[in-house]
């Protein structure tokens, strides 16, 4: 929910409300900042070895740990170049009065389902979802853009 506080200034209330309505009608200027917040949040979660709610993910199997690794980061053997980080794509649909976003891994295809649900040989390590801290930052971006015109 957005709360607005009107203060006396050089512009009339009618002009101010008109500006607010215009910005509410087009949220596309904040699409890139929203995309960046969600991409960075995914990277931070993967590198920390936690899901969107901050729960630790299952450890790697001993056989996986024996393979050569370029980075000792838990659960992300190739660090920043891992497909779980580099292959993450955030789609943002910002249009008249709406802001929708979806995170996906096109390069992983159906493999992402195996991470989300687990298999007989691999424990569940669900990468889906958005961190609450990122959603709060998006709400702040929206409020600042609509109320103040900040991008």
C-alpha atoms as a PDB file:
ATOM      1  CA  UNK A   1       0.000   0.000   0.000  1.00  0.00           C
ATOM      2  CA  UNK A   2       1.287   3.440  -0.890  1.00  0.00           C
ATOM      3  CA  UNK A   3       0.621   6.395   1.415  1.00  0.00           C
ATOM      4  CA  UNK A   4       0.961   9.920   0.101  1.00  0.00           C
ATOM      5  CA  UNK A   5       1.604  13.050   2.106  1.00  0.00           C
ATOM      6  CA  UNK A   6       0.793  16.334   0.432  1.00  0.00           C
ATOM      7  CA  UNK A   7       2.751  19.391   1.406  1.00  0.00           C
ATOM      8  CA  UNK A   8       2.271  22.933   0.256  1.00  0.00           C
ATOM      9  CA  UNK A   9       4.603  23.871  -2.543  1.00  0.00           C
ATOM     10  CA  UNK A  10       4.639  25.964  -5.679  1.00  0.00           C
ATOM     11  CA  UNK A  11       2.545  23.454  -7.607  1.00  0.00           C
ATOM     12  CA  UNK A  12      -1.199  23.160  -7.233  1.00  0.00           C
ATOM     13  CA  UNK A  13      -2.774  20.060  -5.748  1.00  0.00           C
ATOM     14  CA  UNK A  14      -4.434  19.365  -9.084  1.00  0.00           C
ATOM     15  CA  UNK A  15      -1.057  19.418 -10.874  1.00  0.00           C
ATOM     16  CA  UNK A  16       0.510  17.194  -8.214  1.00  0.00           C
ATOM     17  CA  UNK A  17      -2.316  14.633  -8.392  1.00  0.00           C
ATOM     18  CA  UNK A  18      -2.037  14.692 -12.193  1.00  0.00           C
ATOM     19  CA  UNK A  19       1.703  13.932 -11.941  1.00  0.00           C
ATOM     20  CA  UNK A  20       1.008  11.071  -9.493  1.00  0.00           C
ATOM     21  CA  UNK A  21      -1.635   9.582 -11.776  1.00  0.00           C
ATOM     22  CA  UNK A  22       0.725   9.763 -14.743  1.00  0.00           C
ATOM     23  CA  UNK A  23       3.508   7.984 -12.862  1.00  0.00           C
ATOM     24  CA  UNK A  24       1.079   5.339 -11.543  1.00  0.00           C
ATOM     25  CA  UNK A  25      -0.028   4.760 -15.122  1.00  0.00           C
ATOM     26  CA  UNK A  26       3.488   4.006 -16.343  1.00  0.00           C
ATOM     27  CA  UNK A  27       5.840   2.094 -14.076  1.00  0.00           C
ATOM     28  CA  UNK A  28       8.239   1.195 -16.914  1.00  0.00           C
ATOM     29  CA  UNK A  29      10.948   3.659 -15.757  1.00  0.00           C
ATOM     30  CA  UNK A  30      11.582   1.466 -12.703  1.00  0.00           C
ATOM     31  CA  UNK A  31      11.675  -1.838 -14.628  1.00  0.00           C
ATOM     32  CA  UNK A  32      15.493  -1.929 -14.877  1.00  0.00           C
ATOM     33  CA  UNK A  33      16.094  -1.115 -11.200  1.00  0.00           C
ATOM     34  CA  UNK A  34      13.580  -3.849 -10.243  1.00  0.00           C
ATOM     35  CA  UNK A  35      15.349  -6.316 -12.549  1.00  0.00           C
ATOM     36  CA  UNK A  36      18.715  -5.476 -10.946  1.00  0.00           C
ATOM     37  CA  UNK A  37      17.367  -5.881  -7.381  1.00  0.00           C
ATOM     38  CA  UNK A  38      15.992  -9.348  -8.151  1.00  0.00           C
ATOM     39  CA  UNK A  39      19.081 -10.490 -10.081  1.00  0.00           C
ATOM     40  CA  UNK A  40      21.388  -9.345  -7.272  1.00  0.00           C
ATOM     41  CA  UNK A  41      19.146 -10.998  -4.674  1.00  0.00           C
ATOM     42  CA  UNK A  42      19.339 -14.319  -6.518  1.00  0.00           C
ATOM     43  CA  UNK A  43      23.135 -14.049  -6.743  1.00  0.00           C
ATOM     44  CA  UNK A  44      23.440 -13.269  -3.029  1.00  0.00           C
ATOM     45  CA  UNK A  45      21.207 -16.219  -2.075  1.00  0.00           C
ATOM     46  CA  UNK A  46      23.013 -18.696  -4.308  1.00  0.00           C
ATOM     47  CA  UNK A  47      26.457 -17.637  -3.098  1.00  0.00           C
ATOM     48  CA  UNK A  48      25.303 -17.825   0.526  1.00  0.00           C
ATOM     49  CA  UNK A  49      23.804 -21.291  -0.043  1.00  0.00           C
ATOM     50  CA  UNK A  50      20.308 -20.338   1.118  1.00  0.00           C
ATOM     51  CA  UNK A  51      16.830 -20.261  -0.416  1.00  0.00           C
ATOM     52  CA  UNK A  52      14.615 -17.182  -0.726  1.00  0.00           C
ATOM     53  CA  UNK A  53      13.499 -17.521   2.904  1.00  0.00           C
ATOM     54  CA  UNK A  54      17.081 -17.760   4.187  1.00  0.00           C
ATOM     55  CA  UNK A  55      16.986 -21.524   4.883  1.00  0.00           C
ATOM     56  CA  UNK A  56      20.231 -23.420   4.262  1.00  0.00           C
ATOM     57  CA  UNK A  57      20.220 -25.604   1.170  1.00  0.00           C
ATOM     58  CA  UNK A  58      21.224 -29.263   1.326  1.00  0.00           C
ATOM     59  CA  UNK A  59      24.988 -29.789   1.088  1.00  0.00           C
ATOM     60  CA  UNK A  60      26.665 -31.121  -2.036  1.00  0.00           C
ATOM     61  CA  UNK A  61      27.304 -34.837  -2.313  1.00  0.00           C
ATOM     62  CA  UNK A  62      30.835 -36.067  -1.482  1.00  0.00           C
ATOM     63  CA  UNK A  63      31.265 -37.167  -5.129  1.00  0.00           C
ATOM     64  CA  UNK A  64      30.525 -33.628  -6.307  1.00  0.00           C
ATOM     65  CA  UNK A  65      32.933 -32.146  -3.794  1.00  0.00           C
ATOM     66  CA  UNK A  66      35.751 -34.371  -5.113  1.00  0.00           C
ATOM     67  CA  UNK A  67      35.492 -32.778  -8.582  1.00  0.00           C
ATOM     68  CA  UNK A  68      37.894 -29.917  -9.391  1.00  0.00           C
ATOM     69  CA  UNK A  69      36.385 -26.582  -8.351  1.00  0.00           C
ATOM     70  CA  UNK A  70      37.462 -23.085  -9.176  1.00  0.00           C
ATOM     71  CA  UNK A  71      35.625 -21.573  -6.211  1.00  0.00           C
ATOM     72  CA  UNK A  72      35.003 -22.986  -2.726  1.00  0.00           C
ATOM     73  CA  UNK A  73      31.604 -21.247  -2.489  1.00  0.00           C
ATOM     74  CA  UNK A  74      29.063 -23.659  -1.000  1.00  0.00           C
ATOM     75  CA  UNK A  75      26.694 -25.200  -3.563  1.00  0.00           C
ATOM     76  CA  UNK A  76      27.955 -23.027  -6.432  1.00  0.00           C
ATOM     77  CA  UNK A  77      31.114 -24.792  -7.615  1.00  0.00           C
ATOM     78  CA  UNK A  78      31.874 -22.255 -10.364  1.00  0.00           C
ATOM     79  CA  UNK A  79      30.946 -19.164  -8.331  1.00  0.00           C
ATOM     80  CA  UNK A  80      29.673 -16.188 -10.335  1.00  0.00           C
ATOM     81  CA  UNK A  81      29.978 -18.113 -13.617  1.00  0.00           C
ATOM     82  CA  UNK A  82      27.592 -20.827 -12.401  1.00  0.00           C
ATOM     83  CA  UNK A  83      24.456 -21.233 -14.522  1.00  0.00           C
ATOM     84  CA  UNK A  84      22.413 -20.755 -11.334  1.00  0.00           C
ATOM     85  CA  UNK A  85      23.748 -17.179 -11.216  1.00  0.00           C
ATOM     86  CA  UNK A  86      24.818 -16.201 -14.737  1.00  0.00           C
ATOM     87  CA  UNK A  87      21.862 -18.000 -16.351  1.00  0.00           C
ATOM     88  CA  UNK A  88      19.233 -16.294 -14.175  1.00  0.00           C
ATOM     89  CA  UNK A  89      16.934 -13.979 -16.130  1.00  0.00           C
ATOM     90  CA  UNK A  90      14.410 -11.583 -14.632  1.00  0.00           C
ATOM     91  CA  UNK A  91      11.476 -10.591 -16.831  1.00  0.00           C
ATOM     92  CA  UNK A  92       9.728  -7.380 -15.741  1.00  0.00           C
ATOM     93  CA  UNK A  93       6.376  -6.331 -17.168  1.00  0.00           C
ATOM     94  CA  UNK A  94       5.804  -2.732 -16.137  1.00  0.00           C
ATOM     95  CA  UNK A  95       2.815  -1.175 -17.785  1.00  0.00           C
ATOM     96  CA  UNK A  96      -0.237   0.904 -17.017  1.00  0.00           C
ATOM     97  CA  UNK A  97      -0.845   0.470 -13.294  1.00  0.00           C
ATOM     98  CA  UNK A  98       1.004  -2.838 -12.984  1.00  0.00           C
ATOM     99  CA  UNK A  99       4.406  -4.234 -12.188  1.00  0.00           C
ATOM    100  CA  UNK A 100       4.887  -7.972 -12.663  1.00  0.00           C
ATOM    101  CA  UNK A 101       8.152  -9.879 -12.518  1.00  0.00           C
ATOM    102  CA  UNK A 102       9.282 -13.432 -13.083  1.00  0.00           C
ATOM    103  CA  UNK A 103      12.649 -15.051 -12.466  1.00  0.00           C
ATOM    104  CA  UNK A 104      13.711 -17.974 -14.658  1.00  0.00           C
ATOM    105  CA  UNK A 105      16.679 -20.009 -15.849  1.00  0.00           C
ATOM    106  CA  UNK A 106      16.220 -20.528 -19.610  1.00  0.00           C
ATOM    107  CA  UNK A 107      19.663 -22.128 -19.927  1.00  0.00           C
ATOM    108  CA  UNK A 108      18.730 -24.830 -17.411  1.00  0.00           C
ATOM    109  CA  UNK A 109      15.383 -25.751 -18.965  1.00  0.00           C
ATOM    110  CA  UNK A 110      13.650 -28.550 -17.096  1.00  0.00           C
ATOM    111  CA  UNK A 111      16.690 -29.103 -14.849  1.00  0.00           C
ATOM    112  CA  UNK A 112      15.445 -26.270 -12.630  1.00  0.00           C
ATOM    113  CA  UNK A 113      12.486 -28.502 -11.717  1.00  0.00           C
ATOM    114  CA  UNK A 114      14.902 -31.123 -10.391  1.00  0.00           C
ATOM    115  CA  UNK A 115      16.579 -28.518  -8.193  1.00  0.00           C
ATOM    116  CA  UNK A 116      13.188 -27.292  -6.944  1.00  0.00           C
ATOM    117  CA  UNK A 117      11.764 -30.747  -6.180  1.00  0.00           C
ATOM    118  CA  UNK A 118      14.826 -32.954  -5.775  1.00  0.00           C
ATOM    119  CA  UNK A 119      15.339 -36.408  -7.272  1.00  0.00           C
ATOM    120  CA  UNK A 120      16.127 -39.858  -6.028  1.00  0.00           C
ATOM    121  CA  UNK A 121      19.846 -39.009  -6.175  1.00  0.00           C
ATOM    122  CA  UNK A 122      19.767 -35.282  -5.394  1.00  0.00           C
ATOM    123  CA  UNK A 123      18.204 -33.496  -2.418  1.00  0.00           C
ATOM    124  CA  UNK A 124      15.856 -30.588  -2.935  1.00  0.00           C
ATOM    125  CA  UNK A 125      17.644 -27.231  -3.305  1.00  0.00           C
ATOM    126  CA  UNK A 126      14.814 -24.936  -4.310  1.00  0.00           C
ATOM    127  CA  UNK A 127      16.108 -21.751  -5.987  1.00  0.00           C
ATOM    128  CA  UNK A 128      12.627 -20.368  -6.703  1.00  0.00           C
ATOM    129  CA  UNK A 129      11.096 -17.351  -5.003  1.00  0.00           C
ATOM    130  CA  UNK A 130      12.157 -13.824  -4.097  1.00  0.00           C
ATOM    131  CA  UNK A 131      13.720 -12.659  -0.849  1.00  0.00           C
ATOM    132  CA  UNK A 132      11.533 -10.464   1.357  1.00  0.00           C
ATOM    133  CA  UNK A 133      14.322  -7.882   1.561  1.00  0.00           C
ATOM    134  CA  UNK A 134      14.279  -7.581  -2.251  1.00  0.00           C
ATOM    135  CA  UNK A 135      10.490  -7.229  -2.339  1.00  0.00           C
ATOM    136  CA  UNK A 136      10.719  -4.488   0.295  1.00  0.00           C
ATOM    137  CA  UNK A 137      13.313  -2.686  -1.827  1.00  0.00           C
ATOM    138  CA  UNK A 138      10.988  -2.923  -4.845  1.00  0.00           C
ATOM    139  CA  UNK A 139       8.141  -1.437  -2.796  1.00  0.00           C
ATOM    140  CA  UNK A 140      10.469   1.426  -1.841  1.00  0.00           C
ATOM    141  CA  UNK A 141      11.416   1.943  -5.502  1.00  0.00           C
ATOM    142  CA  UNK A 142       7.739   2.075  -6.449  1.00  0.00           C
ATOM    143  CA  UNK A 143       6.871   4.473  -3.646  1.00  0.00           C
ATOM    144  CA  UNK A 144       9.776   6.783  -4.449  1.00  0.00           C
ATOM    145  CA  UNK A 145       8.951   6.782  -8.158  1.00  0.00           C
ATOM    146  CA  UNK A 146       5.201   7.313  -7.807  1.00  0.00           C
ATOM    147  CA  UNK A 147       5.301   9.792  -4.920  1.00  0.00           C
ATOM    148  CA  UNK A 148       8.491  11.698  -5.727  1.00  0.00           C
ATOM    149  CA  UNK A 149       9.396  10.883  -9.318  1.00  0.00           C
ATOM    150  CA  UNK A 150      12.744   9.331  -8.292  1.00  0.00           C
ATOM    151  CA  UNK A 151      14.180   6.549 -10.432  1.00  0.00           C
END
